[in-house]
Amino acid sequence: MSSTNGVEQSDRADAIAAAMLTCPLQRDAAARLGISTDTLRRELRKPEVQAACSEARRELLAGTIGALQSSMLEAIQVLQRLMRDSESEWMRHQCATTLLTQGLRAVEIFDTEQRLARIESMLEQYYTDEN
């Protein structure tokens, strides 16, 4: 990445990030990029490459979470149907337990996120008022 052009450096960092996400090993990522493993390791120490890799991971994770969220309602409906219609008492019990456990867990997580957001807001206000 000896280019002085910021766009080319950014494109290079993005290409490295993509290769790192799609290849299981650094040597595979280096081969995909047409560089040596040593060069890849040097590139991975650069802040702009680290930032690109972090952003790529965040985007991948966001997409994965989105896909999971869109399937959740259907999964809940399947569990509800099984709980209601199954002839097996064990199956109905398992479905009910899963729905209750996961529902309570979701409420706890939501409440924790809300509390954290309030605390962050209070801290931001505190440090803003100090200055």
Protein backbone atom coordinates (compact mmCIF):
# COMPACT_ATOMS: atom_id res chain seq x y z
CA MET A 1 0.00 0.00 0.00
CA SER A 2 2.66 2.45 -0.98
CA SER A 3 0.14 4.52 -2.93
CA THR A 4 -0.35 8.07 -1.72
CA ASN A 5 -3.88 8.04 -3.05
CA GLY A 6 -6.26 7.64 -0.09
CA VAL A 7 -8.91 5.99 -2.27
CA GLU A 8 -6.49 3.31 -3.45
CA GLN A 9 -5.34 2.72 0.13
CA SER A 10 -8.95 2.43 1.22
CA ASP A 11 -9.73 0.03 -1.62
CA ARG A 12 -6.67 -2.04 -0.68
CA ALA A 13 -7.72 -2.12 2.99
CA ASP A 14 -11.24 -3.18 1.96
CA ALA A 15 -9.85 -5.93 -0.28
CA ILE A 16 -7.70 -7.22 2.56
CA ALA A 17 -10.69 -7.15 4.91
CA ALA A 18 -12.81 -9.08 2.41
CA ALA A 19 -10.10 -11.68 1.92
CA MET A 20 -9.68 -12.10 5.67
CA LEU A 21 -13.42 -12.67 6.09
CA THR A 22 -13.72 -15.19 3.28
CA CYS A 23 -10.51 -17.18 3.68
CA PRO A 24 -9.96 -19.50 6.63
CA LEU A 25 -6.19 -18.97 6.73
CA GLN A 26 -3.92 -15.97 6.24
CA ARG A 27 -2.00 -17.82 3.55
CA ASP A 28 -5.27 -18.31 1.63
CA ALA A 29 -6.13 -14.62 2.00
CA ALA A 30 -2.63 -13.65 0.83
CA ALA A 31 -2.92 -15.95 -2.19
CA ARG A 32 -6.31 -14.46 -3.08
CA LEU A 33 -4.79 -10.98 -2.88
CA GLY A 34 -1.70 -12.00 -4.86
CA ILE A 35 0.70 -11.05 -2.05
CA SER A 36 2.95 -12.98 0.31
CA THR A 37 1.84 -13.99 3.77
CA ASP A 38 4.54 -11.73 5.24
CA THR A 39 3.18 -8.78 3.26
CA LEU A 40 -0.33 -9.55 4.46
CA ARG A 41 0.87 -9.66 8.07
CA ARG A 42 2.54 -6.26 7.64
CA GLU A 43 -0.63 -4.85 6.09
CA LEU A 44 -2.73 -6.21 8.96
CA ARG A 45 -0.71 -4.13 11.42
CA LYS A 46 -1.72 -0.88 9.68
CA PRO A 47 -4.48 1.08 11.44
CA GLU A 48 -6.49 1.64 8.24
CA VAL A 49 -6.47 -2.10 7.48
CA GLN A 50 -7.41 -2.95 11.07
CA ALA A 51 -10.27 -0.45 10.84
CA ALA A 52 -11.45 -1.92 7.53
CA CYS A 53 -11.35 -5.44 8.98
CA SER A 54 -13.32 -4.35 12.04
CA GLU A 55 -15.91 -2.60 9.90
CA ALA A 56 -16.25 -5.61 7.61
CA ARG A 57 -16.78 -7.89 10.61
CA ARG A 58 -19.39 -5.48 12.02
CA GLU A 59 -21.24 -5.41 8.70
CA LEU A 60 -21.16 -9.20 8.43
CA LEU A 61 -22.41 -9.55 11.98
CA ALA A 62 -25.18 -6.99 11.38
CA GLY A 63 -26.33 -8.94 8.33
CA THR A 64 -26.27 -12.18 10.28
CA ILE A 65 -28.24 -10.66 13.13
CA GLY A 66 -30.75 -9.26 10.64
CA ALA A 67 -31.26 -12.69 9.11
CA LEU A 68 -31.72 -14.24 12.55
CA GLN A 69 -34.19 -11.56 13.58
CA SER A 70 -36.28 -12.07 10.49
CA SER A 71 -36.48 -15.80 11.27
CA MET A 72 -37.38 -15.35 14.92
CA LEU A 73 -41.08 -14.69 14.43
CA GLU A 74 -41.44 -17.79 12.28
CA ALA A 75 -39.53 -19.86 14.85
CA ILE A 76 -41.82 -18.58 17.61
CA GLN A 77 -44.86 -19.46 15.55
CA VAL A 78 -43.52 -22.99 14.97
CA LEU A 79 -42.94 -23.44 18.71
CA GLN A 80 -46.42 -22.10 19.48
CA ARG A 81 -48.00 -24.46 16.95
CA LEU A 82 -46.09 -27.44 18.30
CA MET A 83 -46.98 -26.48 21.85
CA ARG A 84 -50.65 -26.24 20.93
CA ASP A 85 -51.01 -29.14 18.50
CA SER A 86 -48.49 -31.79 19.54
CA GLU A 87 -49.84 -34.98 21.03
CA SER A 88 -46.60 -35.42 22.95
CA GLU A 89 -46.71 -33.92 26.42
CA TRP A 90 -42.90 -33.84 26.40
CA MET A 91 -42.92 -31.78 23.14
CA ARG A 92 -45.48 -29.33 24.51
CA HIS A 93 -43.41 -28.96 27.68
CA GLN A 94 -40.18 -28.39 25.72
CA CYS A 95 -41.83 -25.76 23.52
CA ALA A 96 -43.36 -23.97 26.50
CA THR A 97 -40.05 -24.03 28.37
CA THR A 98 -38.17 -22.69 25.35
CA LEU A 99 -40.69 -19.89 24.77
CA LEU A 100 -40.69 -18.84 28.42
CA THR A 101 -36.92 -19.05 28.85
CA GLN A 102 -36.11 -17.17 25.68
CA GLY A 103 -38.89 -14.64 26.24
CA LEU A 104 -37.63 -13.81 29.72
CA ARG A 105 -34.07 -13.61 28.41
CA ALA A 106 -35.15 -11.19 25.68
CA VAL A 107 -36.88 -8.98 28.27
CA GLU A 108 -33.75 -8.98 30.45
CA ILE A 109 -31.55 -8.02 27.51
CA PHE A 110 -33.96 -5.28 26.40
CA ASP A 111 -34.12 -3.88 29.95
CA THR A 112 -30.34 -3.96 30.27
CA GLU A 113 -29.91 -2.14 26.94
CA GLN A 114 -32.38 0.52 28.05
CA ARG A 115 -30.60 1.00 31.37
CA LEU A 116 -27.22 1.18 29.64
CA ALA A 117 -28.52 3.78 27.20
CA ARG A 118 -29.78 5.91 30.11
CA ILE A 119 -26.44 5.61 31.92
CA GLU A 120 -24.53 6.55 28.76
CA SER A 121 -26.81 9.54 28.27
CA MET A 122 -26.29 10.64 31.87
CA LEU A 123 -22.52 10.31 31.51
CA GLU A 124 -22.54 12.24 28.26
CA GLN A 125 -24.60 15.00 29.89
CA TYR A 126 -22.28 15.02 32.93
CA TYR A 127 -19.15 15.44 30.81
CA THR A 128 -20.86 18.01 28.59
CA ASP A 129 -21.91 20.06 31.61
CA GLU A 130 -18.37 19.87 33.05
CA ASN A 131 -16.91 21.60 30.00
